[in-house]
Amino acid sequence: MSLENLVGISLEKVTPSKQTVSRLLEAASRHISDAKVEQVSMETRFGSAYTAIRMLADAGLHAHGYRTLASRPGHHQTAIQTLSHTFGLESAALIRLDALRRQRNVAEYEGDTVPRSALVECIRQAEVLSAVATNWLKANRPDLH
């Protein structure tokens, strides 16, 4: 699979912009901070950490000139699965992030509770991905960082 092969199926082409990448990185950082606010429910905190992961994945796609077709089912899954192409994540990391995506779906669509362990892992993965994204952008696309 290449990103180009997904155009028209789950991705569309865009012109990368520093403003969009910056907004996504800044918003992801705010979501990570929000996920650490202990006065809020674990489900809301988990949702914030997961949103940070998705925004970072979107930043990676944007840096390569793509974005998910949000009108199509599975756009979150596409964003996460393309992290191997955008930021060079290994399959073990993708498996962890996809498990968090599935946990988010269960919490969001079935009202299931989020265990503390899942919340902690989601925050940790969001922080790791933020560092990976920042380092990749500095090394590969300094014009967008």
Protein backbone atom coordinates (compact mmCIF):
# COMPACT_ATOMS: atom_id res chain seq x y z
CA MET A 1 0.00 0.00 0.00
CA SER A 2 1.15 3.51 -0.75
CA LEU A 3 -0.53 6.78 0.12
CA GLU A 4 -1.06 7.50 -3.56
CA ASN A 5 -2.98 4.22 -3.95
CA LEU A 6 -5.52 5.44 -1.37
CA VAL A 7 -6.40 8.66 -3.22
CA GLY A 8 -10.11 8.66 -4.00
CA ILE A 9 -10.69 5.68 -1.73
CA SER A 10 -9.85 7.02 1.72
CA LEU A 11 -7.48 9.93 1.05
CA GLU A 12 -7.49 13.10 -0.99
CA LYS A 13 -4.57 15.27 -2.07
CA VAL A 14 -3.94 18.63 -0.41
CA THR A 15 -1.25 21.26 -0.57
CA PRO A 16 0.77 21.04 2.64
CA SER A 17 0.88 24.24 4.69
CA LYS A 18 2.87 25.23 7.74
CA GLN A 19 -0.26 26.82 9.24
CA THR A 20 -2.27 23.60 9.09
CA VAL A 21 0.56 21.47 10.49
CA SER A 22 1.14 24.01 13.28
CA ARG A 23 -2.56 24.12 14.16
CA LEU A 24 -2.76 20.33 14.30
CA LEU A 25 0.37 20.04 16.47
CA GLU A 26 -0.81 22.79 18.83
CA ALA A 27 -4.29 21.30 19.11
CA ALA A 28 -2.82 17.86 19.80
CA SER A 29 -0.69 19.36 22.56
CA ARG A 30 -3.77 20.96 24.13
CA HIS A 31 -5.64 17.66 23.96
CA ILE A 32 -2.76 15.87 25.70
CA SER A 33 -2.85 18.50 28.45
CA ASP A 34 -6.63 18.15 28.74
CA ALA A 35 -6.27 14.37 29.04
CA LYS A 36 -4.24 14.89 32.21
CA VAL A 37 -6.94 16.89 34.05
CA GLU A 38 -7.98 14.53 36.82
CA GLN A 39 -11.21 16.36 37.65
CA VAL A 40 -12.68 15.13 34.35
CA SER A 41 -14.04 11.64 33.67
CA MET A 42 -11.69 8.98 32.36
CA GLU A 43 -13.82 8.67 29.21
CA THR A 44 -13.44 12.38 28.43
CA ARG A 45 -9.72 12.28 29.21
CA PHE A 46 -9.29 9.20 27.03
CA GLY A 47 -11.19 10.93 24.23
CA SER A 48 -8.86 13.90 24.43
CA ALA A 49 -5.74 11.73 24.33
CA TYR A 50 -7.13 9.75 21.42
CA THR A 51 -8.02 12.95 19.57
CA ALA A 52 -4.40 14.07 20.00
CA ILE A 53 -3.24 10.83 18.36
CA ARG A 54 -5.63 11.31 15.47
CA MET A 55 -4.59 14.93 14.98
CA LEU A 56 -0.93 13.95 14.94
CA ALA A 57 -1.71 11.28 12.36
CA ASP A 58 -3.55 13.92 10.34
CA ALA A 59 -0.50 16.19 10.58
CA GLY A 60 1.64 13.40 9.14
CA LEU A 61 -0.71 12.92 6.24
CA HIS A 62 -0.88 16.67 5.65
CA ALA A 63 2.91 16.94 5.61
CA HIS A 64 2.89 14.39 2.77
CA GLY A 65 0.14 16.20 0.87
CA TYR A 66 -2.88 14.14 1.89
CA ARG A 67 -5.84 14.10 4.24
CA THR A 68 -8.44 11.51 5.03
CA LEU A 69 -11.82 11.64 3.43
CA ALA A 70 -13.77 12.27 6.62
CA SER A 71 -17.02 11.62 4.79
CA ARG A 72 -16.00 7.98 4.36
CA PRO A 73 -16.24 5.38 7.12
CA GLY A 74 -12.92 4.36 8.63
CA HIS A 75 -11.09 7.68 8.32
CA HIS A 76 -9.66 7.36 11.85
CA GLN A 77 -8.40 3.87 11.03
CA THR A 78 -6.86 5.13 7.79
CA ALA A 79 -5.06 7.97 9.58
CA ILE A 80 -3.57 5.57 12.11
CA GLN A 81 -2.65 2.87 9.59
CA THR A 82 -0.80 5.36 7.40
CA LEU A 83 1.55 6.35 10.24
CA SER A 84 4.02 3.78 8.95
CA HIS A 85 4.19 5.77 5.70
CA THR A 86 4.07 9.25 7.18
CA PHE A 87 6.26 9.06 10.31
CA GLY A 88 7.82 5.61 9.85
CA LEU A 89 6.09 3.92 12.79
CA GLU A 90 6.68 0.20 13.16
CA SER A 91 3.84 -2.31 13.07
CA ALA A 92 3.92 -2.87 16.87
CA ALA A 93 3.18 0.82 17.41
CA LEU A 94 0.36 0.72 14.86
CA ILE A 95 -1.17 -2.27 16.64
CA ARG A 96 -1.13 -0.38 19.97
CA LEU A 97 -2.67 2.72 18.40
CA ASP A 98 -5.33 0.70 16.61
CA ALA A 99 -6.26 -1.01 19.90
CA LEU A 100 -6.76 2.47 21.39
CA ARG A 101 -8.91 3.41 18.39
CA ARG A 102 -11.08 0.35 19.01
CA GLN A 103 -11.32 1.23 22.73
CA ARG A 104 -12.42 4.72 21.75
CA ASN A 105 -15.12 3.29 19.47
CA VAL A 106 -16.49 1.08 22.24
CA ALA A 107 -16.55 3.99 24.69
CA GLU A 108 -17.98 6.41 22.15
CA TYR A 109 -20.59 4.26 20.44
CA GLU A 110 -21.53 1.76 23.15
CA GLY A 111 -21.07 3.87 26.28
CA ASP A 112 -18.51 1.48 27.73
CA THR A 113 -16.27 2.73 30.53
CA VAL A 114 -12.57 3.29 29.95
CA PRO A 115 -10.21 1.48 32.31
CA ARG A 116 -7.49 3.58 33.93
CA SER A 117 -4.86 1.41 32.22
CA ALA A 118 -6.26 2.34 28.79
CA LEU A 119 -6.27 6.02 29.70
CA VAL A 120 -2.66 5.89 30.89
CA GLU A 121 -1.61 4.05 27.73
CA CYS A 122 -3.47 6.46 25.47
CA ILE A 123 -1.80 9.49 27.08
CA ARG A 124 1.58 7.78 26.84
CA GLN A 125 1.08 6.90 23.18
CA ALA A 126 -0.08 10.45 22.39
CA GLU A 127 3.05 11.87 24.01
CA VAL A 128 5.31 9.42 22.16
CA LEU A 129 3.63 10.16 18.84
CA SER A 130 3.92 13.90 19.46
CA ALA A 131 7.68 13.54 19.92
CA VAL A 132 7.95 11.33 16.82
CA ALA A 133 5.95 13.82 14.75
CA THR A 134 7.99 16.79 15.93
CA ASN A 135 11.30 15.04 15.27
CA TRP A 136 10.19 13.79 11.86
CA LEU A 137 8.98 17.23 10.80
CA LYS A 138 12.20 18.90 11.96
CA ALA A 139 14.32 16.36 10.08
CA ASN A 140 12.21 15.90 6.94
CA ARG A 141 9.95 18.91 6.52
CA PRO A 142 11.49 21.86 8.39
CA ASP A 143 9.49 24.15 6.09
CA LEU A 144 6.31 22.89 7.79
CA HIS A 145 7.52 23.00 11.38
